[in-house]
């Protein structure tokens, strides 16, 4: 009869050790104090059909005929990201991904992209996705992961429209706050 009791004791002890190791790895997050923070500027120059030398993005679909807000238009991009508002500044990163307009009643886009850092300051990627409700002054998108210096990063990228030139060019100010850093 001692064998089943010993097995139970060992099993409970093993469960205790596993639970302690999981709890010791758990990180605490403070929403008021990110572990890393960047202010960056995203520059998007949509191909207008003729100026291919300056374009950094292109429509991959045509909008549907539903609504008046280019509903269904999909844009792929490889955009420069700088530390200031000047698009000719040396890039701090490249933003590669897509956005598509997903509302029939107002301008709203859904973004999914990777910020690629390859400098002496930072190496790695940050993955960002979420809804960009353009009529709002600021909008939060999720930082859902990363690699290199940003391994498994989690946080928020707050967008603010910084400049718009019709449908050809826009600049977003991105306030990126990482709350989970390794």
N, C-alpha and C. Protein backbone atom coordinates (compact mmCIF):
# COMPACT_ATOMS: atom_id res chain seq x y z
N UNK A 1 0.80 -1.21 0.00
CA UNK A 1 0.00 0.00 0.00
C UNK A 1 0.85 1.28 0.00
N UNK A 2 2.14 1.17 0.30
CA UNK A 2 2.97 2.37 0.34
C UNK A 2 3.31 2.89 -1.05
N UNK A 3 3.33 2.00 -2.04
CA UNK A 3 3.69 2.43 -3.40
C UNK A 3 2.74 3.52 -3.92
N UNK A 4 1.42 3.36 -3.85
CA UNK A 4 0.54 4.42 -4.35
C UNK A 4 0.71 5.73 -3.59
N UNK A 5 0.98 5.67 -2.29
CA UNK A 5 1.18 6.89 -1.51
C UNK A 5 2.46 7.59 -1.95
N UNK A 6 3.53 6.81 -2.17
CA UNK A 6 4.78 7.41 -2.65
C UNK A 6 4.59 8.04 -4.02
N UNK A 7 3.89 7.39 -4.91
CA UNK A 7 3.63 7.93 -6.25
C UNK A 7 2.85 9.23 -6.15
N UNK A 8 1.86 9.26 -5.30
CA UNK A 8 1.07 10.48 -5.11
C UNK A 8 1.95 11.59 -4.54
N UNK A 9 2.79 11.28 -3.60
CA UNK A 9 3.68 12.28 -3.00
C UNK A 9 4.62 12.87 -4.04
N UNK A 10 5.22 12.00 -4.86
CA UNK A 10 6.13 12.48 -5.90
C UNK A 10 5.39 13.33 -6.94
N UNK A 11 4.20 12.93 -7.30
CA UNK A 11 3.41 13.67 -8.28
C UNK A 11 3.07 15.06 -7.75
N UNK A 12 2.64 15.14 -6.50
CA UNK A 12 2.33 16.44 -5.90
C UNK A 12 3.57 17.32 -5.79
N UNK A 13 4.70 16.72 -5.44
CA UNK A 13 5.94 17.47 -5.34
C UNK A 13 6.35 18.00 -6.72
N UNK A 14 6.22 17.17 -7.76
CA UNK A 14 6.54 17.61 -9.12
C UNK A 14 5.63 18.76 -9.56
N UNK A 15 4.34 18.67 -9.25
CA UNK A 15 3.41 19.75 -9.58
C UNK A 15 3.79 21.04 -8.86
N UNK A 16 4.21 20.93 -7.63
CA UNK A 16 4.65 22.09 -6.86
C UNK A 16 5.86 22.73 -7.53
N UNK A 17 6.84 21.93 -7.94
CA UNK A 17 8.04 22.47 -8.59
C UNK A 17 7.70 23.16 -9.91
N UNK A 18 6.85 22.55 -10.70
CA UNK A 18 6.46 23.14 -11.97
C UNK A 18 5.74 24.46 -11.75
N UNK A 19 4.82 24.50 -10.80
CA UNK A 19 4.08 25.75 -10.54
C UNK A 19 5.01 26.85 -10.05
N UNK A 20 6.01 26.50 -9.26
CA UNK A 20 6.95 27.51 -8.78
C UNK A 20 7.81 28.05 -9.91
N UNK A 21 8.22 27.17 -10.83
CA UNK A 21 9.05 27.64 -11.94
C UNK A 21 8.24 28.53 -12.88
N UNK A 22 6.99 28.23 -13.10
CA UNK A 22 6.14 29.07 -13.95
C UNK A 22 5.93 30.43 -13.31
N UNK A 23 5.69 30.46 -12.01
CA UNK A 23 5.48 31.73 -11.32
C UNK A 23 6.74 32.58 -11.30
N UNK A 24 7.91 31.96 -11.23
CA UNK A 24 9.14 32.74 -11.17
C UNK A 24 9.47 33.37 -12.51
N UNK A 25 8.98 32.83 -13.64
CA UNK A 25 9.25 33.38 -14.96
C UNK A 25 8.28 34.53 -15.28
N UNK A 26 7.13 34.54 -14.66
CA UNK A 26 6.10 35.53 -14.93
C UNK A 26 6.64 36.94 -14.72
N UNK A 27 6.41 37.83 -15.71
CA UNK A 27 6.86 39.21 -15.61
C UNK A 27 5.70 40.08 -15.12
N UNK A 28 6.05 41.15 -14.43
CA UNK A 28 5.02 42.09 -14.03
C UNK A 28 5.04 43.26 -15.00
N UNK A 29 3.87 43.71 -15.39
CA UNK A 29 3.75 44.82 -16.32
C UNK A 29 3.15 46.02 -15.60
N UNK A 30 3.71 47.17 -15.90
CA UNK A 30 3.21 48.41 -15.35
C UNK A 30 2.71 49.26 -16.51
N UNK A 31 1.37 49.42 -16.66
CA UNK A 31 0.85 50.16 -17.81
C UNK A 31 1.26 51.63 -17.83
N UNK A 32 1.76 52.14 -16.74
CA UNK A 32 2.18 53.54 -16.71
C UNK A 32 3.65 53.70 -17.06
N UNK A 33 4.38 52.58 -17.10
CA UNK A 33 5.83 52.67 -17.32
C UNK A 33 6.29 51.58 -18.28
N UNK A 34 6.39 51.89 -19.59
CA UNK A 34 6.85 50.88 -20.53
C UNK A 34 8.33 50.58 -20.32
N UNK A 35 8.75 49.37 -20.74
CA UNK A 35 10.16 49.00 -20.62
C UNK A 35 10.98 49.57 -21.78
N UNK A 36 10.34 49.87 -22.92
CA UNK A 36 10.99 50.56 -24.05
C UNK A 36 9.95 51.46 -24.70
N UNK A 37 10.44 52.59 -25.23
CA UNK A 37 9.52 53.51 -25.89
C UNK A 37 10.23 54.19 -27.06
N UNK A 38 9.53 54.33 -28.19
CA UNK A 38 10.04 54.99 -29.38
C UNK A 38 8.98 55.95 -29.91
N UNK A 39 9.43 57.07 -30.44
CA UNK A 39 8.58 57.93 -31.25
C UNK A 39 9.17 57.86 -32.65
N UNK A 40 8.39 57.35 -33.60
CA UNK A 40 8.85 57.19 -34.97
C UNK A 40 7.79 57.74 -35.93
N UNK A 41 8.22 58.04 -37.16
CA UNK A 41 7.33 58.58 -38.18
C UNK A 41 7.29 57.65 -39.39
N UNK A 42 6.11 57.24 -39.74
CA UNK A 42 5.84 56.32 -40.84
C UNK A 42 5.45 57.16 -42.05
N UNK A 43 6.13 56.99 -43.18
CA UNK A 43 5.87 57.77 -44.40
C UNK A 43 5.36 56.85 -45.49
N UNK A 44 4.16 57.13 -46.01
CA UNK A 44 3.55 56.30 -47.05
C UNK A 44 3.31 57.15 -48.30
N UNK A 45 3.92 56.74 -49.42
CA UNK A 45 3.73 57.42 -50.70
C UNK A 45 3.08 56.42 -51.64
N UNK A 46 1.79 56.59 -51.87
CA UNK A 46 1.01 55.66 -52.69
C UNK A 46 1.31 55.88 -54.17
N UNK A 47 1.55 54.81 -54.89
CA UNK A 47 1.78 54.87 -56.33
C UNK A 47 0.57 55.48 -57.00
N UNK A 48 0.81 56.53 -57.79
CA UNK A 48 -0.31 57.19 -58.47
C UNK A 48 -0.44 56.74 -59.92
N UNK A 49 0.29 55.73 -60.31
CA UNK A 49 0.21 55.20 -61.67
C UNK A 49 1.35 55.64 -62.56
N UNK A 50 2.02 56.74 -62.20
CA UNK A 50 3.10 57.23 -63.06
C UNK A 50 4.43 57.38 -62.33
N UNK A 51 4.43 57.80 -61.10
CA UNK A 51 5.67 58.10 -60.37
C UNK A 51 6.15 56.88 -59.58
N UNK A 52 6.75 55.93 -60.28
CA UNK A 52 7.20 54.70 -59.61
C UNK A 52 8.48 54.89 -58.83
N UNK A 53 9.27 55.93 -59.13
CA UNK A 53 10.56 56.10 -58.44
C UNK A 53 10.40 56.50 -56.98
N UNK A 54 9.34 57.24 -56.64
CA UNK A 54 9.14 57.69 -55.26
C UNK A 54 8.14 56.86 -54.47
N UNK A 55 7.34 56.06 -55.14
CA UNK A 55 6.27 55.32 -54.47
C UNK A 55 6.84 54.28 -53.51
N UNK A 56 6.20 54.17 -52.34
CA UNK A 56 6.58 53.16 -51.34
C UNK A 56 5.44 52.19 -51.07
N UNK A 57 4.29 52.43 -51.71
CA UNK A 57 3.14 51.54 -51.54
C UNK A 57 2.32 51.52 -52.83
N UNK A 58 1.54 50.46 -52.98
CA UNK A 58 0.71 50.34 -54.18
C UNK A 58 -0.57 49.61 -53.84
N UNK A 59 -1.65 50.01 -54.50
CA UNK A 59 -2.93 49.31 -54.34
C UNK A 59 -2.82 47.95 -55.00
N UNK A 60 -3.20 46.91 -54.27
CA UNK A 60 -3.17 45.55 -54.82
C UNK A 60 -4.54 45.11 -55.30
N UNK A 61 -5.57 45.87 -54.92
CA UNK A 61 -6.93 45.61 -55.38
C UNK A 61 -7.58 46.95 -55.71
N UNK A 62 -8.70 46.89 -56.34
CA UNK A 62 -9.50 48.10 -56.53
C UNK A 62 -10.60 48.10 -55.48
N UNK A 63 -11.06 49.29 -55.09
CA UNK A 63 -12.14 49.32 -54.10
C UNK A 63 -13.41 48.70 -54.66
N UNK A 64 -14.23 48.19 -53.77
CA UNK A 64 -15.54 47.67 -54.19
C UNK A 64 -16.45 48.84 -54.48
N UNK A 65 -17.61 48.57 -54.92
CA UNK A 65 -18.58 49.64 -55.18
C UNK A 65 -19.50 49.85 -53.98
N UNK A 66 -19.15 49.28 -52.82
CA UNK A 66 -19.96 49.42 -51.61
C UNK A 66 -19.49 50.66 -50.84
N UNK A 67 -20.34 51.59 -50.61
CA UNK A 67 -20.01 52.79 -49.84
C UNK A 67 -19.14 53.75 -50.62
N UNK A 68 -18.80 54.86 -49.98
CA UNK A 68 -18.02 55.92 -50.62
C UNK A 68 -16.63 56.07 -50.01
N UNK A 69 -16.12 55.05 -49.33
CA UNK A 69 -14.88 55.20 -48.57
C UNK A 69 -13.83 54.16 -48.96
N UNK A 70 -13.67 53.91 -50.25
CA UNK A 70 -12.73 52.95 -50.83
C UNK A 70 -12.75 51.59 -50.12
N UNK A 71 -13.93 51.19 -49.68
CA UNK A 71 -14.12 49.92 -49.00
C UNK A 71 -13.56 48.77 -49.85
N UNK A 72 -12.68 47.96 -49.26
CA UNK A 72 -12.11 46.80 -49.94
C UNK A 72 -10.77 47.05 -50.59
N UNK A 73 -10.32 48.31 -50.66
CA UNK A 73 -9.01 48.60 -51.25
C UNK A 73 -7.91 48.03 -50.36
N UNK A 74 -7.01 47.23 -50.94
CA UNK A 74 -5.88 46.64 -50.23
C UNK A 74 -4.60 47.29 -50.74
N UNK A 75 -3.77 47.77 -49.82
CA UNK A 75 -2.51 48.44 -50.18
C UNK A 75 -1.37 47.68 -49.51
N UNK A 76 -0.35 47.33 -50.30
CA UNK A 76 0.86 46.73 -49.75
C UNK A 76 1.94 47.81 -49.72
N UNK A 77 2.83 47.73 -48.72
CA UNK A 77 3.82 48.80 -48.58
C UNK A 77 5.17 48.30 -48.09
N UNK A 78 6.16 49.10 -48.42
CA UNK A 78 7.53 48.98 -47.93
C UNK A 78 7.97 50.41 -47.65
N UNK A 79 7.54 50.93 -46.50
CA UNK A 79 7.65 52.36 -46.20
C UNK A 79 8.83 52.66 -45.28
N UNK A 80 9.48 53.82 -45.51
CA UNK A 80 10.52 54.24 -44.57
C UNK A 80 9.90 54.75 -43.26
N UNK A 81 10.62 54.50 -42.18
CA UNK A 81 10.23 54.98 -40.86
C UNK A 81 11.42 55.77 -40.33
N UNK A 82 11.17 57.02 -39.93
CA UNK A 82 12.25 57.90 -39.49
C UNK A 82 12.03 58.34 -38.05
N UNK A 83 13.07 58.94 -37.47
CA UNK A 83 12.97 59.46 -36.11
C UNK A 83 12.38 60.86 -36.06
N UNK A 84 12.25 61.50 -37.24
CA UNK A 84 11.65 62.83 -37.29
C UNK A 84 10.68 62.89 -38.46
N UNK A 85 10.10 64.05 -38.68
CA UNK A 85 9.04 64.19 -39.68
C UNK A 85 9.55 64.26 -41.12
N UNK A 86 10.85 64.41 -41.31
CA UNK A 86 11.42 64.56 -42.65
C UNK A 86 11.54 63.20 -43.33
N UNK A 87 10.82 63.00 -44.44
CA UNK A 87 10.89 61.70 -45.12
C UNK A 87 12.26 61.41 -45.75
N UNK A 88 13.09 62.46 -45.93
CA UNK A 88 14.43 62.27 -46.48
C UNK A 88 15.47 61.94 -45.40
N UNK A 89 15.06 61.93 -44.14
CA UNK A 89 15.98 61.57 -43.06
C UNK A 89 16.41 60.12 -43.20
N UNK A 90 17.57 59.77 -42.65
CA UNK A 90 17.96 58.35 -42.69
C UNK A 90 16.90 57.50 -41.98
N UNK A 91 16.51 56.38 -42.58
CA UNK A 91 15.47 55.56 -41.94
C UNK A 91 15.96 54.92 -40.65
N UNK A 92 15.09 54.91 -39.65
CA UNK A 92 15.35 54.19 -38.40
C UNK A 92 14.91 52.74 -38.55
N UNK A 93 13.96 52.51 -39.47
CA UNK A 93 13.42 51.17 -39.71
C UNK A 93 12.68 51.20 -41.05
N UNK A 94 12.26 50.03 -41.49
CA UNK A 94 11.37 49.88 -42.64
C UNK A 94 10.07 49.26 -42.14
N UNK A 95 8.95 49.74 -42.63
CA UNK A 95 7.65 49.15 -42.31
C UNK A 95 7.20 48.38 -43.54
N UNK A 96 7.02 47.07 -43.38
CA UNK A 96 6.59 46.23 -44.50
C UNK A 96 5.33 45.48 -44.11
N UNK A 97 4.30 45.59 -44.96
CA UNK A 97 3.05 44.91 -44.66
C UNK A 97 1.94 45.39 -45.57
N UNK A 98 0.73 45.47 -45.00
CA UNK A 98 -0.42 45.89 -45.79
C UNK A 98 -1.45 46.56 -44.89
N UNK A 99 -2.34 47.31 -45.54
CA UNK A 99 -3.54 47.82 -44.89
C UNK A 99 -4.67 47.74 -45.89
N UNK A 100 -5.87 47.58 -45.37
CA UNK A 100 -7.03 47.60 -46.25
C UNK A 100 -8.15 48.38 -45.59
N UNK A 101 -8.94 49.03 -46.43
CA UNK A 101 -10.06 49.83 -45.95
C UNK A 101 -11.24 48.90 -45.71
N UNK A 102 -11.75 48.92 -44.47
CA UNK A 102 -12.73 47.91 -44.08
C UNK A 102 -14.04 48.47 -43.52
N UNK A 103 -14.35 49.73 -43.85
CA UNK A 103 -15.65 50.29 -43.44
C UNK A 103 -16.31 50.94 -44.64
N UNK A 104 -17.61 50.76 -44.76
CA UNK A 104 -18.36 51.37 -45.85
C UNK A 104 -18.82 52.79 -45.50
N UNK A 105 -18.85 53.13 -44.21
CA UNK A 105 -19.47 54.38 -43.78
C UNK A 105 -18.49 55.47 -43.37
N UNK A 106 -17.20 55.16 -43.30
CA UNK A 106 -16.18 56.16 -42.98
C UNK A 106 -14.82 55.57 -43.34
N UNK A 107 -13.80 56.41 -43.29
CA UNK A 107 -12.45 55.89 -43.55
C UNK A 107 -11.93 55.17 -42.32
N UNK A 108 -11.60 53.92 -42.53
CA UNK A 108 -11.05 53.07 -41.48
C UNK A 108 -10.19 52.02 -42.18
N UNK A 109 -9.01 51.77 -41.66
CA UNK A 109 -8.13 50.77 -42.26
C UNK A 109 -7.71 49.77 -41.21
N UNK A 110 -7.35 48.59 -41.66
CA UNK A 110 -6.81 47.57 -40.77
C UNK A 110 -5.39 47.30 -41.22
N UNK A 111 -4.42 47.47 -40.30
CA UNK A 111 -3.00 47.34 -40.59
C UNK A 111 -2.46 46.02 -40.06
N UNK A 112 -1.50 45.45 -40.77
CA UNK A 112 -0.68 44.34 -40.29
C UNK A 112 0.69 44.54 -40.93
N UNK A 113 1.70 44.81 -40.09
CA UNK A 113 3.02 45.07 -40.65
C UNK A 113 4.12 44.77 -39.64
N UNK A 114 5.33 44.73 -40.19
CA UNK A 114 6.53 44.49 -39.39
C UNK A 114 7.45 45.69 -39.53
N UNK A 115 7.91 46.22 -38.41
CA UNK A 115 8.97 47.22 -38.42
C UNK A 115 10.29 46.45 -38.38
N UNK A 116 11.14 46.70 -39.36
CA UNK A 116 12.42 46.00 -39.46
C UNK A 116 13.53 46.98 -39.12
N UNK A 117 14.26 46.68 -38.04
CA UNK A 117 15.38 47.50 -37.59
C UNK A 117 16.67 46.78 -37.97
N UNK A 118 17.61 47.52 -38.58
CA UNK A 118 18.90 46.95 -38.91
C UNK A 118 19.94 48.05 -38.86
N UNK A 119 20.29 48.46 -37.64
CA UNK A 119 21.26 49.53 -37.46
C UNK A 119 22.16 49.16 -36.28
N UNK A 120 23.10 50.03 -36.00
CA UNK A 120 23.94 49.78 -34.83
C UNK A 120 23.16 49.97 -33.54
N UNK A 121 22.09 50.76 -33.60
CA UNK A 121 21.27 51.02 -32.41
C UNK A 121 20.33 49.86 -32.09
N UNK A 122 19.66 49.31 -33.11
CA UNK A 122 18.69 48.22 -32.90
C UNK A 122 18.74 47.25 -34.07
N UNK A 123 18.59 45.98 -33.74
CA UNK A 123 18.44 44.93 -34.74
C UNK A 123 17.27 44.05 -34.33
N UNK A 124 16.41 43.76 -35.28
CA UNK A 124 15.26 42.91 -35.00
C UNK A 124 14.00 43.48 -35.60
N UNK A 125 12.87 42.93 -35.20
CA UNK A 125 11.58 43.34 -35.74
C UNK A 125 10.57 43.58 -34.63
N UNK A 126 9.57 44.39 -34.95
CA UNK A 126 8.40 44.59 -34.11
C UNK A 126 7.18 44.38 -35.00
N UNK A 127 6.27 43.51 -34.59
CA UNK A 127 5.06 43.23 -35.37
C UNK A 127 3.87 43.99 -34.78
N UNK A 128 3.17 44.71 -35.66
CA UNK A 128 2.06 45.57 -35.23
C UNK A 128 0.83 45.25 -36.08
N UNK A 129 -0.32 45.20 -35.42
CA UNK A 129 -1.57 44.97 -36.17
C UNK A 129 -2.76 45.57 -35.42
N UNK A 130 -3.78 45.93 -36.20
CA UNK A 130 -5.01 46.42 -35.60
C UNK A 130 -5.72 47.45 -36.46
N UNK A 131 -6.82 47.95 -35.93
CA UNK A 131 -7.67 48.90 -36.64
C UNK A 131 -7.14 50.32 -36.50
N UNK A 132 -7.10 51.03 -37.61
CA UNK A 132 -6.72 52.44 -37.63
C UNK A 132 -7.98 53.24 -37.96
N UNK A 133 -8.67 53.68 -36.91
CA UNK A 133 -9.89 54.47 -37.08
C UNK A 133 -9.49 55.92 -37.35
N UNK A 134 -9.31 56.23 -38.63
CA UNK A 134 -8.65 57.46 -39.06
C UNK A 134 -9.30 58.75 -38.59
N UNK A 135 -10.58 58.74 -38.30
CA UNK A 135 -11.24 59.97 -37.88
C UNK A 135 -10.95 60.31 -36.41
N UNK A 136 -10.37 59.38 -35.68
CA UNK A 136 -9.99 59.64 -34.29
C UNK A 136 -8.63 60.34 -34.26
N UNK A 137 -8.42 61.23 -33.29
CA UNK A 137 -7.14 61.94 -33.18
C UNK A 137 -6.00 60.95 -32.94
N UNK A 138 -6.18 60.02 -32.01
CA UNK A 138 -5.18 58.98 -31.76
C UNK A 138 -5.86 57.62 -31.78
N UNK A 139 -5.10 56.62 -32.19
CA UNK A 139 -5.61 55.25 -32.24
C UNK A 139 -4.53 54.30 -31.76
N UNK A 140 -4.92 53.27 -31.04
CA UNK A 140 -3.98 52.29 -30.52
C UNK A 140 -4.06 51.00 -31.32
N UNK A 141 -2.90 50.52 -31.75
CA UNK A 141 -2.77 49.23 -32.41
C UNK A 141 -1.91 48.35 -31.52
N UNK A 142 -2.04 47.06 -31.65
CA UNK A 142 -1.34 46.13 -30.78
C UNK A 142 0.05 45.79 -31.31
N UNK A 143 1.03 45.80 -30.42
CA UNK A 143 2.33 45.21 -30.71
C UNK A 143 2.20 43.76 -30.29
N UNK A 144 2.31 42.85 -31.26
CA UNK A 144 1.99 41.45 -30.99
C UNK A 144 3.20 40.53 -30.96
N UNK A 145 4.39 41.08 -31.12
CA UNK A 145 5.58 40.23 -31.05
C UNK A 145 6.77 40.94 -31.65
N UNK A 146 7.87 40.23 -31.64
CA UNK A 146 9.09 40.78 -32.20
C UNK A 146 10.22 39.77 -32.18
N UNK A 147 11.34 40.18 -32.76
CA UNK A 147 12.54 39.35 -32.79
C UNK A 147 13.75 40.19 -32.43
N UNK A 148 14.90 39.55 -32.28
CA UNK A 148 16.15 40.26 -32.01
C UNK A 148 16.07 41.07 -30.74
N UNK A 149 16.40 42.36 -30.82
CA UNK A 149 16.34 43.25 -29.64
C UNK A 149 14.93 43.37 -29.07
N UNK A 150 13.93 42.96 -29.85
CA UNK A 150 12.53 43.08 -29.43
C UNK A 150 11.88 41.71 -29.28
N UNK A 151 12.66 40.71 -28.90
CA UNK A 151 12.18 39.33 -28.79
C UNK A 151 10.92 39.26 -27.94
N UNK A 152 9.84 38.72 -28.50
CA UNK A 152 8.56 38.50 -27.81
C UNK A 152 7.97 39.78 -27.24
N UNK A 153 8.24 40.92 -27.85
CA UNK A 153 7.73 42.21 -27.35
C UNK A 153 6.21 42.26 -27.41
N UNK A 154 5.62 42.94 -26.43
CA UNK A 154 4.18 43.19 -26.39
C UNK A 154 3.98 44.64 -25.97
N UNK A 155 2.97 45.27 -26.54
CA UNK A 155 2.71 46.65 -26.17
C UNK A 155 1.68 47.30 -27.06
N UNK A 156 1.78 48.63 -27.19
CA UNK A 156 0.82 49.44 -27.92
C UNK A 156 1.58 50.41 -28.83
N UNK A 157 1.08 50.55 -30.05
CA UNK A 157 1.58 51.58 -30.97
C UNK A 157 0.44 52.58 -31.15
N UNK A 158 0.63 53.78 -30.65
CA UNK A 158 -0.40 54.82 -30.76
C UNK A 158 -0.13 55.63 -32.03
N UNK A 159 -1.09 55.62 -32.94
CA UNK A 159 -1.00 56.37 -34.20
C UNK A 159 -1.61 57.75 -34.00
N UNK A 160 -0.99 58.71 -34.66
CA UNK A 160 -1.57 60.05 -34.78
C UNK A 160 -1.24 60.53 -36.19
N UNK A 161 -2.24 60.94 -36.95
CA UNK A 161 -1.99 61.43 -38.29
C UNK A 161 -1.22 62.73 -38.19
N UNK A 162 -0.06 62.78 -38.84
CA UNK A 162 0.83 63.94 -38.74
C UNK A 162 0.77 64.80 -39.99
N UNK A 163 0.51 64.20 -41.15
CA UNK A 163 0.39 64.95 -42.41
C UNK A 163 -0.40 64.12 -43.42
N UNK A 164 -1.17 64.81 -44.26
CA UNK A 164 -1.92 64.15 -45.33
C UNK A 164 -1.85 65.04 -46.56
N UNK A 165 -1.51 64.44 -47.70
CA UNK A 165 -1.54 65.15 -48.98
C UNK A 165 -2.44 64.36 -49.91
N UNK A 166 -3.74 64.60 -49.81
CA UNK A 166 -4.71 63.89 -50.62
C UNK A 166 -4.64 62.39 -50.38
N UNK A 167 -4.72 61.66 -51.48
CA UNK A 167 -4.67 60.20 -51.39
C UNK A 167 -3.26 59.69 -51.72
N UNK A 168 -2.32 60.64 -51.95
CA UNK A 168 -0.98 60.26 -52.39
C UNK A 168 0.00 60.03 -51.25
N UNK A 169 -0.01 60.85 -50.22
CA UNK A 169 1.00 60.77 -49.15
C UNK A 169 0.34 60.98 -47.80
N UNK A 170 0.76 60.19 -46.83
CA UNK A 170 0.41 60.48 -45.45
C UNK A 170 1.57 60.09 -44.55
N UNK A 171 1.63 60.76 -43.41
CA UNK A 171 2.66 60.49 -42.41
C UNK A 171 1.95 60.25 -41.08
N UNK A 172 2.33 59.17 -40.42
CA UNK A 172 1.81 58.85 -39.09
C UNK A 172 2.90 59.00 -38.05
N UNK A 173 2.56 59.61 -36.96
CA UNK A 173 3.44 59.61 -35.79
C UNK A 173 3.08 58.34 -35.02
N UNK A 174 4.08 57.52 -34.73
CA UNK A 174 3.86 56.28 -33.98
C UNK A 174 4.57 56.39 -32.64
N UNK A 175 3.81 56.36 -31.58
CA UNK A 175 4.35 56.33 -30.21
C UNK A 175 4.28 54.86 -29.78
N UNK A 176 5.41 54.18 -29.85
CA UNK A 176 5.44 52.74 -29.57
C UNK A 176 5.91 52.53 -28.13
N UNK A 177 5.04 51.90 -27.35
CA UNK A 177 5.34 51.63 -25.95
C UNK A 177 5.33 50.11 -25.75
N UNK A 178 6.48 49.56 -25.37
CA UNK A 178 6.58 48.13 -25.13
C UNK A 178 6.50 47.88 -23.63
N UNK A 179 5.61 47.00 -23.23
CA UNK A 179 5.41 46.69 -21.81
C UNK A 179 5.95 45.33 -21.43
N UNK A 180 6.28 44.52 -22.43
CA UNK A 180 6.85 43.21 -22.17
C UNK A 180 8.13 43.13 -22.99
N UNK A 181 9.28 43.21 -22.31
CA UNK A 181 10.59 43.19 -22.96
C UNK A 181 11.43 42.12 -22.31
N UNK A 182 12.20 41.43 -23.12
CA UNK A 182 13.08 40.37 -22.59
C UNK A 182 14.51 40.70 -22.88
